[in-house]
Amino acid sequence: MKCPFCFFKESRVVDSRVAEDFSAVRRRRECLKCKSRFTTSEREEPRPLFVVKKDSTRERFDRNKLMSGFLKACEKRPVSMETIETALLKIERELRAANDREVLSGNIGAKVMESLREMDAVAYIRFASVYMEFEDVSGFKKIIETLPETVKEESLNE
């Protein structure tokens, strides 16, 4: 590892720690030439994941697009960023755990719908209206009917 101070190419590891979520390893290093100490972080580089769209085109999975969908659905709703991040992380882990290099966009949409259904009924309906391409009010009625009565009363009366 090259020293960021003197650019010498050799250093020794003084201390190693695993991050709380086990996603990275932090290492304290010492330059063998100038004796300066610095920290490095090692993360596993996830293999590329591709999304197969409805029109059969493929594009690289983009976490930011997923976040954008969640944010639009949850706009002006009492859903914390922490809740959204947790759902996003869960979906991404499930997709990568499947060990497929390609995932259908419909599978991602279904996972987002499932997460939003648990989070907030209004956000769920907002996302569903775009994702399921409702053409009239009957689509909204069908999706609302799938919600439990208690959720309908709490969320839709706000």
N, C-alpha and C. Protein backbone atom coordinates (compact mmCIF):
# COMPACT_ATOMS: atom_id res chain seq x y z
N MET A 1 0.85 -1.17 0.00
CA MET A 1 0.00 0.00 0.00
C MET A 1 0.90 1.23 0.00
N LYS A 2 0.66 2.15 -0.91
CA LYS A 2 1.48 3.34 -1.05
C LYS A 2 1.13 4.38 0.02
N CYS A 3 2.15 4.95 0.66
CA CYS A 3 1.96 5.96 1.70
C CYS A 3 1.41 7.25 1.08
N PRO A 4 0.33 7.82 1.63
CA PRO A 4 -0.24 9.05 1.07
C PRO A 4 0.62 10.29 1.36
N PHE A 5 1.62 10.15 2.23
CA PHE A 5 2.46 11.30 2.60
C PHE A 5 3.75 11.36 1.79
N CYS A 6 4.49 10.24 1.75
CA CYS A 6 5.78 10.24 1.04
C CYS A 6 5.76 9.37 -0.22
N PHE A 7 4.66 8.67 -0.44
CA PHE A 7 4.45 7.82 -1.61
C PHE A 7 5.36 6.60 -1.69
N PHE A 8 5.95 6.24 -0.55
CA PHE A 8 6.75 5.02 -0.48
C PHE A 8 5.80 3.84 -0.66
N LYS A 9 6.25 2.80 -1.32
CA LYS A 9 5.35 1.72 -1.71
C LYS A 9 5.14 0.64 -0.66
N GLU A 10 5.82 0.73 0.47
CA GLU A 10 5.67 -0.33 1.46
C GLU A 10 5.22 0.22 2.81
N SER A 11 4.30 -0.52 3.43
CA SER A 11 3.81 -0.16 4.76
C SER A 11 3.52 -1.45 5.51
N ARG A 12 3.33 -1.30 6.81
CA ARG A 12 2.97 -2.48 7.61
C ARG A 12 1.63 -2.21 8.28
N VAL A 13 0.89 -3.27 8.52
CA VAL A 13 -0.40 -3.17 9.19
C VAL A 13 -0.17 -3.14 10.69
N VAL A 14 -0.70 -2.10 11.34
CA VAL A 14 -0.56 -1.93 12.78
C VAL A 14 -1.78 -2.51 13.49
N ASP A 15 -2.98 -2.33 12.88
CA ASP A 15 -4.22 -2.78 13.50
C ASP A 15 -5.26 -3.04 12.41
N SER A 16 -6.09 -4.07 12.59
CA SER A 16 -7.19 -4.36 11.66
C SER A 16 -8.48 -4.52 12.44
N ARG A 17 -9.56 -3.95 11.89
CA ARG A 17 -10.88 -4.08 12.52
C ARG A 17 -11.93 -4.28 11.45
N VAL A 18 -12.91 -5.10 11.78
CA VAL A 18 -14.04 -5.33 10.89
C VAL A 18 -15.09 -4.28 11.22
N ALA A 19 -15.68 -3.68 10.19
CA ALA A 19 -16.75 -2.70 10.40
C ALA A 19 -17.94 -3.37 11.07
N GLU A 20 -18.77 -2.56 11.72
CA GLU A 20 -19.91 -3.10 12.48
C GLU A 20 -20.82 -3.99 11.66
N ASP A 21 -21.06 -3.61 10.42
CA ASP A 21 -21.96 -4.41 9.58
C ASP A 21 -21.22 -5.47 8.76
N PHE A 22 -19.95 -5.71 9.08
CA PHE A 22 -19.12 -6.71 8.42
C PHE A 22 -18.96 -6.46 6.91
N SER A 23 -19.18 -5.24 6.48
CA SER A 23 -19.08 -4.94 5.05
C SER A 23 -17.69 -4.47 4.64
N ALA A 24 -16.84 -4.17 5.62
CA ALA A 24 -15.51 -3.65 5.30
C ALA A 24 -14.52 -3.99 6.40
N VAL A 25 -13.24 -3.89 6.04
CA VAL A 25 -12.16 -4.07 7.00
C VAL A 25 -11.35 -2.77 7.00
N ARG A 26 -11.19 -2.18 8.19
CA ARG A 26 -10.37 -0.97 8.33
C ARG A 26 -9.00 -1.38 8.85
N ARG A 27 -7.97 -0.85 8.22
CA ARG A 27 -6.61 -1.18 8.64
C ARG A 27 -5.84 0.11 8.93
N ARG A 28 -5.17 0.12 10.08
CA ARG A 28 -4.22 1.19 10.40
C ARG A 28 -2.87 0.72 9.89
N ARG A 29 -2.21 1.56 9.11
CA ARG A 29 -0.93 1.21 8.52
C ARG A 29 0.12 2.23 8.92
N GLU A 30 1.37 1.77 8.85
CA GLU A 30 2.50 2.65 9.12
C GLU A 30 3.48 2.54 7.96
N CYS A 31 3.87 3.68 7.44
CA CYS A 31 4.83 3.72 6.34
C CYS A 31 6.19 3.27 6.86
N LEU A 32 6.85 2.40 6.12
CA LEU A 32 8.16 1.90 6.54
C LEU A 32 9.28 2.93 6.34
N LYS A 33 9.00 3.96 5.57
CA LYS A 33 10.03 4.98 5.31
C LYS A 33 9.86 6.19 6.25
N CYS A 34 8.70 6.87 6.20
CA CYS A 34 8.52 8.10 6.97
C CYS A 34 7.84 7.89 8.33
N LYS A 35 7.39 6.66 8.60
CA LYS A 35 6.74 6.28 9.86
C LYS A 35 5.37 6.95 10.09
N SER A 36 4.82 7.60 9.08
CA SER A 36 3.48 8.18 9.19
C SER A 36 2.44 7.07 9.23
N ARG A 37 1.35 7.35 9.92
CA ARG A 37 0.27 6.36 10.00
C ARG A 37 -0.93 6.84 9.20
N PHE A 38 -1.62 5.88 8.60
CA PHE A 38 -2.81 6.20 7.81
C PHE A 38 -3.76 5.01 7.86
N THR A 39 -5.01 5.27 7.50
CA THR A 39 -6.05 4.24 7.55
C THR A 39 -6.48 3.88 6.13
N THR A 40 -6.67 2.59 5.92
CA THR A 40 -7.22 2.12 4.64
C THR A 40 -8.48 1.33 4.94
N SER A 41 -9.32 1.21 3.93
CA SER A 41 -10.56 0.46 4.07
C SER A 41 -10.65 -0.51 2.90
N GLU A 42 -11.01 -1.74 3.20
CA GLU A 42 -11.17 -2.75 2.16
C GLU A 42 -12.62 -3.20 2.12
N ARG A 43 -13.19 -3.19 0.94
CA ARG A 43 -14.55 -3.66 0.73
C ARG A 43 -14.55 -4.69 -0.38
N GLU A 44 -15.47 -5.62 -0.27
CA GLU A 44 -15.65 -6.59 -1.35
C GLU A 44 -16.27 -5.84 -2.52
N GLU A 45 -15.74 -6.06 -3.68
CA GLU A 45 -16.30 -5.44 -4.87
C GLU A 45 -17.39 -6.37 -5.41
N PRO A 46 -18.63 -5.92 -5.33
CA PRO A 46 -19.70 -6.81 -5.80
C PRO A 46 -19.62 -7.00 -7.32
N ARG A 47 -19.94 -8.19 -7.74
CA ARG A 47 -19.91 -8.43 -9.18
C ARG A 47 -21.08 -7.68 -9.82
N PRO A 48 -20.95 -7.34 -11.07
CA PRO A 48 -22.00 -6.55 -11.72
C PRO A 48 -23.33 -7.31 -11.78
N LEU A 49 -24.38 -6.58 -11.56
CA LEU A 49 -25.73 -7.12 -11.62
C LEU A 49 -26.47 -6.35 -12.71
N PHE A 50 -27.12 -7.07 -13.61
CA PHE A 50 -27.82 -6.43 -14.71
C PHE A 50 -29.32 -6.61 -14.57
N VAL A 51 -30.04 -5.58 -14.97
CA VAL A 51 -31.50 -5.57 -14.92
C VAL A 51 -32.02 -5.78 -16.34
N VAL A 52 -32.91 -6.76 -16.49
CA VAL A 52 -33.53 -7.01 -17.79
C VAL A 52 -34.89 -6.30 -17.77
N LYS A 53 -35.03 -5.31 -18.64
CA LYS A 53 -36.24 -4.49 -18.66
C LYS A 53 -37.35 -5.19 -19.46
N LYS A 54 -38.54 -4.60 -19.43
CA LYS A 54 -39.69 -5.17 -20.13
C LYS A 54 -39.44 -5.35 -21.62
N ASP A 55 -38.68 -4.42 -22.21
CA ASP A 55 -38.40 -4.50 -23.64
C ASP A 55 -37.17 -5.36 -23.97
N SER A 56 -36.71 -6.15 -22.99
CA SER A 56 -35.58 -7.08 -23.10
C SER A 56 -34.21 -6.40 -23.16
N THR A 57 -34.17 -5.08 -23.01
CA THR A 57 -32.86 -4.43 -22.94
C THR A 57 -32.27 -4.68 -21.56
N ARG A 58 -30.96 -4.59 -21.49
CA ARG A 58 -30.25 -4.84 -20.24
C ARG A 58 -29.47 -3.60 -19.85
N GLU A 59 -29.49 -3.30 -18.56
CA GLU A 59 -28.66 -2.20 -18.06
C GLU A 59 -28.14 -2.58 -16.69
N ARG A 60 -27.05 -1.98 -16.32
CA ARG A 60 -26.42 -2.27 -15.04
C ARG A 60 -27.33 -1.81 -13.89
N PHE A 61 -27.43 -2.64 -12.84
CA PHE A 61 -28.23 -2.29 -11.67
C PHE A 61 -27.72 -0.99 -11.09
N ASP A 62 -28.63 -0.06 -10.82
CA ASP A 62 -28.27 1.25 -10.28
C ASP A 62 -29.04 1.48 -8.98
N ARG A 63 -28.32 1.41 -7.89
CA ARG A 63 -28.92 1.61 -6.56
C ARG A 63 -29.60 2.97 -6.45
N ASN A 64 -29.05 3.97 -7.14
CA ASN A 64 -29.62 5.32 -7.09
C ASN A 64 -31.01 5.38 -7.71
N LYS A 65 -31.24 4.59 -8.76
CA LYS A 65 -32.58 4.55 -9.37
C LYS A 65 -33.59 3.95 -8.40
N LEU A 66 -33.15 2.93 -7.69
CA LEU A 66 -34.02 2.29 -6.70
C LEU A 66 -34.35 3.29 -5.59
N MET A 67 -33.35 4.01 -5.13
CA MET A 67 -33.55 5.02 -4.10
C MET A 67 -34.51 6.10 -4.58
N SER A 68 -34.35 6.52 -5.82
CA SER A 68 -35.21 7.54 -6.39
C SER A 68 -36.68 7.10 -6.39
N GLY A 69 -36.93 5.84 -6.74
CA GLY A 69 -38.29 5.31 -6.72
C GLY A 69 -38.89 5.34 -5.32
N PHE A 70 -38.08 4.93 -4.34
CA PHE A 70 -38.55 4.97 -2.95
C PHE A 70 -38.85 6.40 -2.52
N LEU A 71 -37.95 7.33 -2.84
CA LEU A 71 -38.12 8.72 -2.42
C LEU A 71 -39.36 9.36 -3.04
N LYS A 72 -39.60 9.08 -4.31
CA LYS A 72 -40.80 9.63 -4.96
C LYS A 72 -42.06 9.08 -4.32
N ALA A 73 -42.07 7.79 -4.04
CA ALA A 73 -43.26 7.17 -3.44
C ALA A 73 -43.50 7.68 -2.02
N CYS A 74 -42.42 7.94 -1.29
CA CYS A 74 -42.53 8.32 0.13
C CYS A 74 -42.51 9.83 0.35
N GLU A 75 -42.51 10.60 -0.74
CA GLU A 75 -42.46 12.05 -0.61
C GLU A 75 -43.65 12.56 0.21
N LYS A 76 -43.34 13.42 1.18
CA LYS A 76 -44.33 14.03 2.08
C LYS A 76 -45.09 12.99 2.91
N ARG A 77 -44.45 11.86 3.15
CA ARG A 77 -45.04 10.81 3.98
C ARG A 77 -44.15 10.64 5.22
N PRO A 78 -44.71 10.14 6.31
CA PRO A 78 -43.93 9.98 7.54
C PRO A 78 -43.05 8.73 7.53
N VAL A 79 -42.18 8.66 6.54
CA VAL A 79 -41.27 7.51 6.41
C VAL A 79 -39.85 8.06 6.52
N SER A 80 -39.08 7.54 7.46
CA SER A 80 -37.72 8.04 7.69
C SER A 80 -36.76 7.54 6.62
N MET A 81 -35.67 8.30 6.45
CA MET A 81 -34.62 7.88 5.51
C MET A 81 -34.01 6.56 5.97
N GLU A 82 -33.94 6.36 7.26
CA GLU A 82 -33.38 5.12 7.79
C GLU A 82 -34.22 3.92 7.36
N THR A 83 -35.53 4.09 7.40
CA THR A 83 -36.44 3.01 6.98
C THR A 83 -36.27 2.71 5.50
N ILE A 84 -36.14 3.77 4.70
CA ILE A 84 -35.95 3.59 3.26
C ILE A 84 -34.61 2.91 2.99
N GLU A 85 -33.55 3.38 3.65
CA GLU A 85 -32.22 2.78 3.47
C GLU A 85 -32.22 1.30 3.83
N THR A 86 -32.89 0.96 4.93
CA THR A 86 -32.95 -0.43 5.37
C THR A 86 -33.66 -1.29 4.32
N ALA A 87 -34.77 -0.80 3.79
CA ALA A 87 -35.50 -1.54 2.76
C ALA A 87 -34.65 -1.69 1.50
N LEU A 88 -33.98 -0.62 1.13
CA LEU A 88 -33.12 -0.63 -0.05
C LEU A 88 -32.00 -1.66 0.10
N LEU A 89 -31.36 -1.66 1.25
CA LEU A 89 -30.28 -2.59 1.53
C LEU A 89 -30.78 -4.03 1.49
N LYS A 90 -31.96 -4.25 2.07
CA LYS A 90 -32.54 -5.60 2.08
C LYS A 90 -32.80 -6.09 0.65
N ILE A 91 -33.38 -5.24 -0.17
CA ILE A 91 -33.67 -5.62 -1.55
C ILE A 91 -32.38 -5.92 -2.31
N GLU A 92 -31.39 -5.04 -2.16
CA GLU A 92 -30.13 -5.25 -2.87
C GLU A 92 -29.45 -6.55 -2.43
N ARG A 93 -29.49 -6.83 -1.14
CA ARG A 93 -28.89 -8.08 -0.64
C ARG A 93 -29.61 -9.30 -1.20
N GLU A 94 -30.95 -9.24 -1.25
CA GLU A 94 -31.72 -10.35 -1.79
C GLU A 94 -31.39 -10.58 -3.26
N LEU A 95 -31.26 -9.50 -4.01
CA LEU A 95 -30.94 -9.63 -5.44
C LEU A 95 -29.56 -10.25 -5.65
N ARG A 96 -28.59 -9.79 -4.87
CA ARG A 96 -27.23 -10.31 -5.01
C ARG A 96 -27.09 -11.72 -4.45
N ALA A 97 -27.88 -12.06 -3.43
CA ALA A 97 -27.82 -13.39 -2.82
C ALA A 97 -28.36 -14.46 -3.76
N ALA A 98 -29.20 -14.04 -4.70
CA ALA A 98 -29.78 -15.00 -5.65
C ALA A 98 -28.71 -15.57 -6.58
N ASN A 99 -27.55 -14.95 -6.62
CA ASN A 99 -26.42 -15.41 -7.44
C ASN A 99 -26.70 -15.41 -8.94
N ASP A 100 -27.67 -14.64 -9.36
CA ASP A 100 -27.92 -14.47 -10.80
C ASP A 100 -27.25 -13.20 -11.25
N ARG A 101 -26.71 -13.21 -12.43
CA ARG A 101 -26.09 -11.99 -12.97
C ARG A 101 -27.13 -11.05 -13.53
N GLU A 102 -28.31 -11.59 -13.83
CA GLU A 102 -29.39 -10.78 -14.39
C GLU A 102 -30.66 -10.97 -13.56
N VAL A 103 -31.39 -9.89 -13.40
CA VAL A 103 -32.64 -9.94 -12.66
C VAL A 103 -33.69 -9.17 -13.47
N LEU A 104 -34.90 -9.70 -13.50
CA LEU A 104 -35.98 -9.04 -14.23
C LEU A 104 -36.42 -7.79 -13.47
N SER A 105 -36.68 -6.72 -14.21
CA SER A 105 -37.13 -5.48 -13.57
C SER A 105 -38.43 -5.70 -12.79
N GLY A 106 -39.25 -6.61 -13.26
CA GLY A 106 -40.50 -6.94 -12.57
C GLY A 106 -40.26 -7.51 -11.18
N ASN A 107 -39.19 -8.30 -11.04
CA ASN A 107 -38.86 -8.85 -9.71
C ASN A 107 -38.44 -7.74 -8.75
N ILE A 108 -37.70 -6.77 -9.26
CA ILE A 108 -37.29 -5.64 -8.43
C ILE A 108 -38.52 -4.84 -8.02
N GLY A 109 -39.38 -4.57 -8.98
CA GLY A 109 -40.62 -3.82 -8.69
C GLY A 109 -41.47 -4.51 -7.65
N ALA A 110 -41.57 -5.83 -7.74
CA ALA A 110 -42.37 -6.59 -6.77
C ALA A 110 -41.77 -6.47 -5.37
N LYS A 111 -40.45 -6.50 -5.28
CA LYS A 111 -39.79 -6.36 -3.97
C LYS A 111 -40.01 -4.96 -3.39
N VAL A 112 -39.97 -3.95 -4.25
CA VAL A 112 -40.22 -2.58 -3.80
C VAL A 112 -41.67 -2.46 -3.31
N MET A 113 -42.59 -3.03 -4.07
CA MET A 113 -44.01 -3.00 -3.67
C MET A 113 -44.20 -3.65 -2.31
N GLU A 114 -43.58 -4.79 -2.11
CA GLU A 114 -43.68 -5.50 -0.84
C GLU A 114 -43.16 -4.65 0.32
N SER A 115 -42.02 -4.00 0.10
CA SER A 115 -41.44 -3.15 1.14
C SER A 115 -42.33 -1.95 1.44
N LEU A 116 -42.83 -1.30 0.39
CA LEU A 116 -43.67 -0.12 0.59
C LEU A 116 -45.00 -0.48 1.24
N ARG A 117 -45.49 -1.66 0.95
CA ARG A 117 -46.76 -2.10 1.54
C ARG A 117 -46.63 -2.18 3.06
N GLU A 118 -45.46 -2.61 3.53
CA GLU A 118 -45.21 -2.70 4.96
C GLU A 118 -44.93 -1.33 5.58
N MET A 119 -44.38 -0.41 4.79
CA MET A 119 -43.97 0.91 5.27
C MET A 119 -45.12 1.90 5.40
N ASP A 120 -45.84 2.10 4.28
CA ASP A 120 -46.84 3.16 4.22
C ASP A 120 -47.81 2.89 3.07
N ALA A 121 -49.09 2.86 3.37
CA ALA A 121 -50.09 2.52 2.37
C ALA A 121 -50.14 3.53 1.22
N VAL A 122 -50.01 4.82 1.54
CA VAL A 122 -50.08 5.83 0.49
C VAL A 122 -48.86 5.71 -0.45
N ALA A 123 -47.68 5.51 0.12
CA ALA A 123 -46.49 5.33 -0.70
C ALA A 123 -46.64 4.08 -1.57
N TYR A 124 -47.21 3.04 -1.00
CA TYR A 124 -47.45 1.79 -1.72
C TYR A 124 -48.35 2.04 -2.93
N ILE A 125 -49.44 2.77 -2.72
CA ILE A 125 -50.40 3.04 -3.80
C ILE A 125 -49.77 3.95 -4.86
N ARG A 126 -48.99 4.94 -4.42
CA ARG A 126 -48.30 5.83 -5.37
C ARG A 126 -47.39 5.02 -6.29
N PHE A 127 -46.58 4.17 -5.68
CA PHE A 127 -45.63 3.37 -6.46
C PHE A 127 -46.40 2.41 -7.38
N ALA A 128 -47.42 1.78 -6.84
CA ALA A 128 -48.20 0.82 -7.62
C ALA A 128 -48.85 1.49 -8.84
N SER A 129 -49.31 2.73 -8.67
CA SER A 129 -49.97 3.41 -9.79
C SER A 129 -49.02 3.61 -10.97
N VAL A 130 -47.77 3.83 -10.69
CA VAL A 130 -46.78 4.00 -11.77
C VAL A 130 -46.29 2.63 -12.25
N TYR A 131 -45.92 1.78 -11.30
CA TYR A 131 -45.36 0.47 -11.62
C TYR A 131 -46.35 -0.41 -12.38
N MET A 132 -47.60 -0.40 -11.95
CA MET A 132 -48.59 -1.27 -12.58
C MET A 132 -49.34 -0.57 -13.72
N GLU A 133 -48.97 0.68 -14.00
CA GLU A 133 -49.52 1.44 -15.12
C GLU A 133 -51.06 1.45 -15.14
N PHE A 134 -51.65 1.91 -14.04
CA PHE A 134 -53.12 2.00 -13.97
C PHE A 134 -53.64 2.88 -15.09
N GLU A 135 -54.71 2.42 -15.72
CA GLU A 135 -55.31 3.20 -16.78
C GLU A 135 -56.60 3.87 -16.34
N ASP A 136 -57.17 3.36 -15.25
CA ASP A 136 -58.39 3.98 -14.72
C ASP A 136 -58.49 3.74 -13.22
N VAL A 137 -59.57 4.20 -12.62
CA VAL A 137 -59.76 4.13 -11.18
C VAL A 137 -59.88 2.68 -10.68
N SER A 138 -60.32 1.77 -11.51
CA SER A 138 -60.49 0.39 -11.06
C SER A 138 -59.16 -0.22 -10.61
N GLY A 139 -58.06 0.20 -11.22
CA GLY A 139 -56.75 -0.28 -10.79
C GLY A 139 -56.43 0.15 -9.37
N PHE A 140 -56.76 1.40 -9.05
CA PHE A 140 -56.56 1.90 -7.69
C PHE A 140 -57.42 1.13 -6.71
N LYS A 141 -58.67 0.89 -7.09
CA LYS A 141 -59.58 0.15 -6.22
C LYS A 141 -59.04 -1.25 -5.90
N LYS A 142 -58.54 -1.93 -6.92
CA LYS A 142 -58.02 -3.28 -6.72
C LYS A 142 -56.83 -3.28 -5.76
N ILE A 143 -55.94 -2.33 -5.92
CA ILE A 143 -54.74 -2.30 -5.07
C ILE A 143 -55.12 -1.91 -3.64
N ILE A 144 -56.08 -1.03 -3.49
CA ILE A 144 -56.53 -0.63 -2.14
C ILE A 144 -57.21 -1.81 -1.44
N GLU A 145 -57.93 -2.61 -2.20
CA GLU A 145 -58.61 -3.77 -1.62
C GLU A 145 -57.64 -4.82 -1.09
N THR A 146 -56.41 -4.81 -1.59
CA THR A 146 -55.42 -5.78 -1.11
C THR A 146 -54.85 -5.39 0.25
N LEU A 147 -55.06 -4.13 0.66
CA LEU A 147 -54.55 -3.67 1.95
C LEU A 147 -55.45 -4.16 3.08
N PRO A 148 -54.88 -4.50 4.24
CA PRO A 148 -55.70 -4.86 5.39
C PRO A 148 -56.55 -3.65 5.82
N GLU A 149 -57.70 -3.88 6.39
CA GLU A 149 -58.62 -2.81 6.79
C GLU A 149 -57.98 -1.80 7.73
N THR A 150 -57.19 -2.28 8.70
CA THR A 150 -56.58 -1.36 9.67
C THR A 150 -55.62 -0.40 8.99
N VAL A 151 -54.87 -0.89 8.02
CA VAL A 151 -53.93 -0.04 7.29
C VAL A 151 -54.69 0.98 6.46
N LYS A 152 -55.74 0.55 5.80
CA LYS A 152 -56.54 1.45 4.98
C LYS A 152 -57.06 2.61 5.81
N GLU A 153 -57.62 2.29 6.97
CA GLU A 153 -58.21 3.32 7.82
C GLU A 153 -57.15 4.28 8.35
N GLU A 154 -56.02 3.75 8.82
CA GLU A 154 -54.96 4.60 9.40
C GLU A 154 -54.32 5.50 8.35
N SER A 155 -53.88 4.92 7.26
CA SER A 155 -53.08 5.66 6.27
C SER A 155 -53.91 6.54 5.36
N LEU A 156 -55.04 6.07 4.93
CA LEU A 156 -55.80 6.81 3.95
C LEU A 156 -56.61 7.94 4.58
N ASN A 157 -56.77 7.95 5.89
CA ASN A 157 -57.48 9.02 6.58
C ASN A 157 -56.56 10.12 7.07
N GLU A 158 -55.27 10.06 6.78
CA GLU A 158 -54.32 11.07 7.24
C GLU A 158 -54.45 12.35 6.46
